[in-house]
């Protein structure tokens, strides 16, 4: 069984819950009204950067826009083989949502894979958002503002995500890492 994303329904629900028009959501997010309408109608699949703009503008978690998990079970097993990745950077980046945001816990968990030579730029997130990376395989360069960090297999880092940050695979093979986003504001 493949996990399907419900971006169209989740965006519509978040917008209507706050009583916002597409014009107002466009103003809050910097995403055009036309693009928002296409996303809500399921006619367009937004990029990760567009999803982040929407999440930041609406002050919701990134994974809440992807969620299809309605239940709060005591035990939840996620099989990696059943998770449909978000594909970015011309197929060179795959993001596997593992645990979607839950306001009681305050975080969301992903596995990210970057193919050899892949680089991904992430725009700043809201104040009060921390990111945690734990490298599974490969060599990862992380640029945060003007600072550059290099992680090797088993290394981990935490940083405030309110600055532009760039992930770059320095290995001659696929690099993968656990990625946790913590919302503490």
Protein backbone atom coordinates (compact mmCIF):
# COMPACT_ATOMS: atom_id res chain seq x y z
CA UNK A 1 0.00 0.00 0.00
CA UNK A 2 1.45 3.40 -1.03
CA UNK A 3 0.92 6.43 1.17
CA UNK A 4 -0.68 9.21 -0.88
CA UNK A 5 -0.33 12.90 -0.14
CA UNK A 6 -3.43 15.03 0.39
CA UNK A 7 -1.89 18.44 -0.27
CA UNK A 8 -5.00 19.66 -2.11
CA UNK A 9 -7.41 18.71 0.69
CA UNK A 10 -5.06 19.81 3.49
CA UNK A 11 -4.44 23.23 1.95
CA UNK A 12 -8.16 23.75 1.39
CA UNK A 13 -8.93 22.66 4.97
CA UNK A 14 -6.24 24.95 6.47
CA UNK A 15 -7.48 27.89 4.40
CA UNK A 16 -11.15 27.38 5.22
CA UNK A 17 -10.51 26.71 8.91
CA UNK A 18 -9.03 30.21 9.11
CA UNK A 19 -11.72 31.73 6.87
CA UNK A 20 -9.20 32.90 4.26
CA UNK A 21 -9.73 33.56 0.58
CA UNK A 22 -7.18 32.43 -2.01
CA UNK A 23 -6.24 36.11 -2.41
CA UNK A 24 -5.44 36.40 1.32
CA UNK A 25 -3.46 33.12 1.32
CA UNK A 26 -1.52 34.40 -1.69
CA UNK A 27 -0.75 37.61 0.21
CA UNK A 28 0.38 35.68 3.33
CA UNK A 29 2.50 33.12 1.48
CA UNK A 30 3.88 34.88 -1.59
CA UNK A 31 2.45 32.07 -3.75
CA UNK A 32 0.23 33.22 -6.62
CA UNK A 33 -3.53 32.82 -6.34
CA UNK A 34 -3.47 30.84 -9.60
CA UNK A 35 -0.91 28.37 -8.23
CA UNK A 36 -2.80 28.00 -4.95
CA UNK A 37 -6.00 27.28 -6.90
CA UNK A 38 -4.22 24.68 -9.02
CA UNK A 39 -2.84 23.00 -5.90
CA UNK A 40 -6.27 22.94 -4.21
CA UNK A 41 -7.84 21.42 -7.33
CA UNK A 42 -5.10 18.77 -7.51
CA UNK A 43 -3.90 20.11 -10.87
CA UNK A 44 -0.40 21.04 -9.72
CA UNK A 45 2.14 19.36 -7.44
CA UNK A 46 4.02 22.09 -5.54
CA UNK A 47 7.77 22.00 -4.98
CA UNK A 48 9.23 21.73 -1.48
CA UNK A 49 10.02 25.45 -1.51
CA UNK A 50 6.43 26.32 -2.46
CA UNK A 51 5.13 24.01 0.30
CA UNK A 52 7.43 25.77 2.79
CA UNK A 53 6.14 29.18 1.67
CA UNK A 54 2.56 28.00 2.19
CA UNK A 55 3.33 26.38 5.56
CA UNK A 56 5.20 29.48 6.78
CA UNK A 57 2.54 31.91 5.55
CA UNK A 58 -0.30 29.92 7.12
CA UNK A 59 1.79 29.15 10.24
CA UNK A 60 1.25 25.39 9.92
CA UNK A 61 3.78 22.58 9.85
CA UNK A 62 5.24 21.39 6.57
CA UNK A 63 3.96 17.84 7.02
CA UNK A 64 0.44 18.99 7.90
CA UNK A 65 0.11 19.83 4.19
CA UNK A 66 1.10 16.24 3.30
CA UNK A 67 -0.80 14.39 5.99
CA UNK A 68 -3.16 11.54 5.39
CA UNK A 69 -2.75 10.22 8.92
CA UNK A 70 -5.93 11.15 10.75
CA UNK A 71 -5.65 8.70 13.62
CA UNK A 72 -3.66 9.10 16.82
CA UNK A 73 -2.65 5.53 17.48
CA UNK A 74 -0.67 4.40 20.50
CA UNK A 75 1.72 2.53 18.17
CA UNK A 76 2.34 3.48 14.55
CA UNK A 77 4.66 1.48 12.27
CA UNK A 78 5.83 3.16 9.08
CA UNK A 79 7.31 0.85 6.42
CA UNK A 80 9.82 2.78 4.31
CA UNK A 81 8.77 0.79 1.24
CA UNK A 82 5.21 2.13 1.60
CA UNK A 83 6.12 5.82 1.80
CA UNK A 84 5.85 7.81 -1.42
CA UNK A 85 8.72 10.31 -1.49
CA UNK A 86 8.51 13.95 -2.46
CA UNK A 87 10.82 14.29 -5.46
CA UNK A 88 12.84 17.50 -5.91
CA UNK A 89 15.91 18.77 -7.76
CA UNK A 90 15.09 16.96 -11.02
CA UNK A 91 14.81 13.61 -9.25
CA UNK A 92 18.09 14.03 -7.37
CA UNK A 93 16.43 14.61 -3.97
CA UNK A 94 13.86 12.40 -2.26
CA UNK A 95 12.08 13.34 0.96
CA UNK A 96 10.30 10.51 2.81
CA UNK A 97 7.83 11.77 5.42
CA UNK A 98 7.93 9.37 8.36
CA UNK A 99 6.08 11.05 11.20
CA UNK A 100 3.91 14.00 10.37
CA UNK A 101 3.55 16.97 12.66
CA UNK A 102 1.47 16.46 15.78
CA UNK A 103 0.85 19.57 17.89
CA UNK A 104 1.13 17.49 21.08
CA UNK A 105 4.67 16.48 20.14
CA UNK A 106 5.81 19.60 18.22
CA UNK A 107 7.96 17.89 15.59
CA UNK A 108 7.98 16.03 12.28
CA UNK A 109 10.46 13.43 10.96
CA UNK A 110 11.74 12.75 7.45
CA UNK A 111 14.44 10.73 5.73
CA UNK A 112 16.12 12.71 2.96
CA UNK A 113 18.24 11.22 0.18
CA UNK A 114 20.49 13.31 -2.06
CA UNK A 115 22.10 11.79 -5.14
CA UNK A 116 25.76 12.45 -5.93
CA UNK A 117 26.34 16.16 -6.61
CA UNK A 118 22.84 17.20 -5.51
CA UNK A 119 22.42 20.53 -3.75
CA UNK A 120 19.17 21.89 -2.27
CA UNK A 121 18.60 25.44 -1.02
CA UNK A 122 15.97 25.93 1.68
CA UNK A 123 14.61 29.39 2.43
CA UNK A 124 14.50 30.59 6.07
CA UNK A 125 11.68 29.25 8.22
CA UNK A 126 9.81 31.10 10.96
CA UNK A 127 11.46 32.00 14.24
CA UNK A 128 11.09 29.12 16.68
CA UNK A 129 11.88 26.35 14.19
CA UNK A 130 14.87 24.08 14.82
CA UNK A 131 16.18 21.41 12.49
CA UNK A 132 18.07 18.29 13.50
CA UNK A 133 20.12 16.18 11.09
CA UNK A 134 21.60 12.76 11.76
CA UNK A 135 23.66 11.43 8.85
CA UNK A 136 22.91 7.83 7.90
CA UNK A 137 25.21 7.46 4.90
CA UNK A 138 27.56 9.60 2.79
CA UNK A 139 29.05 13.07 3.32
CA UNK A 140 26.83 16.11 3.71
CA UNK A 141 27.76 19.79 3.58
CA UNK A 142 25.32 22.10 5.33
CA UNK A 143 25.55 25.85 4.76
CA UNK A 144 23.68 27.97 7.29
CA UNK A 145 23.93 31.63 6.44
CA UNK A 146 27.69 32.14 5.99
CA UNK A 147 28.73 29.08 8.05
CA UNK A 148 29.68 25.75 6.44
CA UNK A 149 29.57 22.39 8.24
CA UNK A 150 30.55 18.94 6.94
CA UNK A 151 28.93 15.81 8.38
CA UNK A 152 30.19 12.27 7.93
CA UNK A 153 28.33 9.02 8.58
CA UNK A 154 27.03 9.00 12.17
CA UNK A 155 27.47 12.77 12.69
CA UNK A 156 24.56 14.91 13.83
CA UNK A 157 23.75 18.60 14.16
CA UNK A 158 21.05 20.98 15.36
CA UNK A 159 20.47 24.51 14.13
CA UNK A 160 17.94 27.32 14.08
CA UNK A 161 16.24 27.24 10.67
CA UNK A 162 15.49 30.97 10.44
CA UNK A 163 18.39 31.50 7.99
CA UNK A 164 18.80 30.29 4.43
CA UNK A 165 20.32 26.80 4.53
CA UNK A 166 21.74 24.58 1.82
CA UNK A 167 22.25 20.81 1.82
CA UNK A 168 24.94 19.48 -0.55
CA UNK A 169 25.99 15.87 -1.10
CA UNK A 170 29.81 15.70 -1.18
CA UNK A 171 29.99 11.90 -1.52
CA UNK A 172 30.42 9.93 -4.74
CA UNK A 173 27.21 8.05 -3.91
CA UNK A 174 23.78 8.75 -2.43
CA UNK A 175 23.83 10.57 0.92
CA UNK A 176 20.93 10.02 3.32
CA UNK A 177 19.99 11.55 6.64
CA UNK A 178 17.25 11.72 9.25
CA UNK A 179 15.74 15.17 9.34
CA UNK A 180 13.68 16.35 12.30
CA UNK A 181 11.92 19.70 12.32
CA UNK A 182 10.98 20.93 15.78
CA UNK A 183 8.49 23.78 16.26
CA UNK A 184 8.96 25.26 19.71
CA UNK A 185 7.38 28.69 19.39
